[in-house]
């Protein structure tokens, strides 16, 4: 069973059910990977999602990635990718923290405005993206990026959202 634990800072809107949004996004991402069985595992699989300020994300980005600037999303996996299969094979009904995802409001809102989409839709994409990072996916190499983007597009389509990588021509 998947559980998302959400914490939120201003200026993220209180009028959005961010916890439900995060749950849907993470579920859509996981079920489109070979790790889909995590959703039905005996253990509770938890993902922590933090809706933060740009300043908080800049601090984390500087500390963990040595990049002193805010970024849209950071992911902090708590389970090594090569050990993910052992979670669903284990009959333990305990809890496993898959990892943390942190989104920066200002960066997310600005990117959403640039794309002409809502902040909620862009945050959904970033949570899908962050969840895939928690599962060991990366986009450093082109073939890895293509595989990750394909899963993201499929997950977002299942949620009724457009392909975020489609280049719009004006």
Protein backbone atom coordinates (compact mmCIF):
# COMPACT_ATOMS: atom_id res chain seq x y z
CA UNK A 1 0.00 0.00 0.00
CA UNK A 2 1.27 3.45 -0.91
CA UNK A 3 0.95 6.34 1.48
CA UNK A 4 2.05 9.90 0.81
CA UNK A 5 2.87 12.18 3.72
CA UNK A 6 2.60 15.81 2.72
CA UNK A 7 3.87 18.98 4.34
CA UNK A 8 3.26 22.40 2.90
CA UNK A 9 4.61 25.93 3.30
CA UNK A 10 3.28 29.28 2.14
CA UNK A 11 2.77 30.35 -0.63
CA UNK A 12 1.43 26.95 -1.80
CA UNK A 13 -2.36 27.31 -2.06
CA UNK A 14 -4.55 25.86 0.67
CA UNK A 15 -7.42 25.47 -1.82
CA UNK A 16 -5.81 22.43 -3.48
CA UNK A 17 -5.93 18.93 -2.00
CA UNK A 18 -2.18 18.48 -2.43
CA UNK A 19 -2.12 15.20 -0.51
CA UNK A 20 -4.63 13.59 -2.89
CA UNK A 21 -2.76 15.08 -5.87
CA UNK A 22 0.55 13.66 -4.58
CA UNK A 23 -1.03 10.25 -3.96
CA UNK A 24 -2.47 10.10 -7.50
CA UNK A 25 0.80 11.26 -9.10
CA UNK A 26 3.01 8.84 -7.15
CA UNK A 27 0.63 5.93 -7.79
CA UNK A 28 0.50 6.67 -11.53
CA UNK A 29 4.30 6.74 -11.67
CA UNK A 30 4.87 3.54 -9.69
CA UNK A 31 2.24 1.48 -11.51
CA UNK A 32 3.95 2.16 -14.85
CA UNK A 33 7.27 0.71 -13.75
CA UNK A 34 8.46 -2.82 -13.00
CA UNK A 35 8.02 -1.84 -9.33
CA UNK A 36 4.23 -1.66 -9.62
CA UNK A 37 3.93 -4.48 -7.07
CA UNK A 38 4.97 -1.96 -4.40
CA UNK A 39 1.39 -0.67 -4.55
CA UNK A 40 0.06 -4.01 -3.33
CA UNK A 41 2.94 -4.98 -1.04
CA UNK A 42 2.15 -6.02 2.52
CA UNK A 43 4.39 -3.24 3.77
CA UNK A 44 3.20 0.35 3.73
CA UNK A 45 5.35 2.22 1.22
CA UNK A 46 5.64 5.87 2.20
CA UNK A 47 6.72 8.84 0.13
CA UNK A 48 7.21 12.16 1.87
CA UNK A 49 6.27 15.16 -0.30
CA UNK A 50 7.26 18.65 0.84
CA UNK A 51 5.85 21.73 -0.85
CA UNK A 52 8.52 24.24 0.05
CA UNK A 53 9.78 27.71 -0.70
CA UNK A 54 12.49 28.45 -3.25
CA UNK A 55 14.82 29.42 -0.39
CA UNK A 56 14.41 26.04 1.31
CA UNK A 57 15.01 24.17 -1.94
CA UNK A 58 18.04 26.37 -2.71
CA UNK A 59 19.52 25.45 0.69
CA UNK A 60 18.92 21.74 0.08
CA UNK A 61 20.24 21.95 -3.49
CA UNK A 62 23.43 23.67 -2.27
CA UNK A 63 23.88 21.18 0.57
CA UNK A 64 23.25 17.96 -1.34
CA UNK A 65 24.00 18.79 -4.98
CA UNK A 66 26.47 21.68 -4.57
CA UNK A 67 24.29 23.89 -6.77
CA UNK A 68 23.50 27.14 -4.98
CA UNK A 69 20.18 27.89 -6.68
CA UNK A 70 16.59 26.73 -6.37
CA UNK A 71 15.38 23.97 -8.66
CA UNK A 72 11.89 22.70 -9.38
CA UNK A 73 12.12 19.32 -7.63
CA UNK A 74 14.59 17.41 -5.50
CA UNK A 75 14.34 13.70 -4.72
CA UNK A 76 16.05 11.91 -1.86
CA UNK A 77 15.75 8.11 -2.21
CA UNK A 78 15.90 6.14 1.04
CA UNK A 79 16.08 2.68 -0.58
CA UNK A 80 18.88 1.68 -2.95
CA UNK A 81 17.46 0.95 -6.40
CA UNK A 82 18.90 -2.59 -6.39
CA UNK A 83 17.03 -3.36 -3.15
CA UNK A 84 13.57 -2.22 -4.30
CA UNK A 85 12.59 -5.72 -5.42
CA UNK A 86 13.17 -7.09 -1.92
CA UNK A 87 10.46 -4.81 -0.49
CA UNK A 88 7.58 -6.46 -2.31
CA UNK A 89 9.07 -9.94 -1.88
CA UNK A 90 9.25 -9.45 1.87
CA UNK A 91 6.05 -10.49 3.63
CA UNK A 92 6.71 -7.98 6.41
CA UNK A 93 3.74 -5.69 6.94
CA UNK A 94 5.83 -2.83 8.33
CA UNK A 95 6.56 0.54 6.79
CA UNK A 96 9.22 1.45 4.25
CA UNK A 97 10.11 5.06 3.55
CA UNK A 98 10.81 5.12 -0.19
CA UNK A 99 12.11 8.67 0.01
CA UNK A 100 11.45 12.39 0.03
CA UNK A 101 10.36 14.71 -2.77
CA UNK A 102 10.68 18.48 -2.32
CA UNK A 103 9.12 21.03 -4.70
CA UNK A 104 10.00 24.75 -4.86
CA UNK A 105 6.92 26.95 -5.21
CA UNK A 106 8.42 29.87 -7.13
CA UNK A 107 10.24 27.69 -9.65
CA UNK A 108 7.20 25.43 -10.11
CA UNK A 109 4.79 28.35 -10.55
CA UNK A 110 7.12 30.15 -13.02
CA UNK A 111 7.61 26.99 -15.10
CA UNK A 112 3.86 26.36 -15.11
CA UNK A 113 3.22 29.92 -16.31
CA UNK A 114 5.84 29.50 -19.06
CA UNK A 115 4.12 26.28 -20.19
CA UNK A 116 0.64 27.82 -19.96
CA UNK A 117 -0.57 25.21 -17.45
CA UNK A 118 -1.75 25.34 -13.86
CA UNK A 119 0.67 25.08 -10.96
CA UNK A 120 -1.25 21.95 -9.85
CA UNK A 121 -0.71 20.23 -13.21
CA UNK A 122 2.99 21.08 -13.20
CA UNK A 123 3.35 19.94 -9.59
CA UNK A 124 1.71 16.66 -10.60
CA UNK A 125 4.36 16.20 -13.28
CA UNK A 126 7.15 17.05 -10.84
CA UNK A 127 5.84 14.52 -8.29
CA UNK A 128 5.67 11.84 -11.01
CA UNK A 129 9.24 12.78 -12.00
CA UNK A 130 10.44 12.77 -8.39
CA UNK A 131 8.79 9.41 -7.70
CA UNK A 132 10.65 7.88 -10.64
CA UNK A 133 13.92 9.20 -9.18
CA UNK A 134 13.02 7.46 -5.90
CA UNK A 135 12.70 4.24 -7.93
CA UNK A 136 16.21 4.65 -9.37
CA UNK A 137 15.34 6.29 -12.69
CA UNK A 138 17.62 9.02 -13.96
CA UNK A 139 18.04 11.28 -16.98
CA UNK A 140 21.79 11.77 -17.18
CA UNK A 141 22.23 9.61 -20.29
CA UNK A 142 19.97 10.12 -23.32
CA UNK A 143 18.60 6.55 -23.26
CA UNK A 144 17.78 6.91 -19.54
CA UNK A 145 16.09 10.26 -20.18
CA UNK A 146 14.00 8.78 -23.00
CA UNK A 147 12.85 5.87 -20.82
CA UNK A 148 12.02 8.15 -17.91
CA UNK A 149 10.15 10.65 -20.10
CA UNK A 150 8.12 7.83 -21.66
CA UNK A 151 6.94 6.66 -18.23
CA UNK A 152 6.17 10.25 -17.21
CA UNK A 153 4.10 10.85 -20.36
CA UNK A 154 2.17 7.59 -19.82
CA UNK A 155 1.55 8.39 -16.13
CA UNK A 156 0.40 11.94 -16.88
CA UNK A 157 -1.84 10.76 -19.72
CA UNK A 158 -3.52 8.37 -17.27
CA UNK A 159 -4.22 11.40 -15.06
CA UNK A 160 -5.69 13.36 -17.96
CA UNK A 161 -2.67 15.64 -18.39
CA UNK A 162 -0.83 16.56 -21.58
CA UNK A 163 2.65 15.48 -22.61
CA UNK A 164 4.96 17.92 -20.77
CA UNK A 165 7.73 17.36 -23.31
CA UNK A 166 5.66 18.28 -26.36
CA UNK A 167 7.22 21.34 -27.96
CA UNK A 168 4.63 23.94 -28.77
CA UNK A 169 5.23 25.99 -31.88
CA UNK A 170 3.77 29.49 -31.89
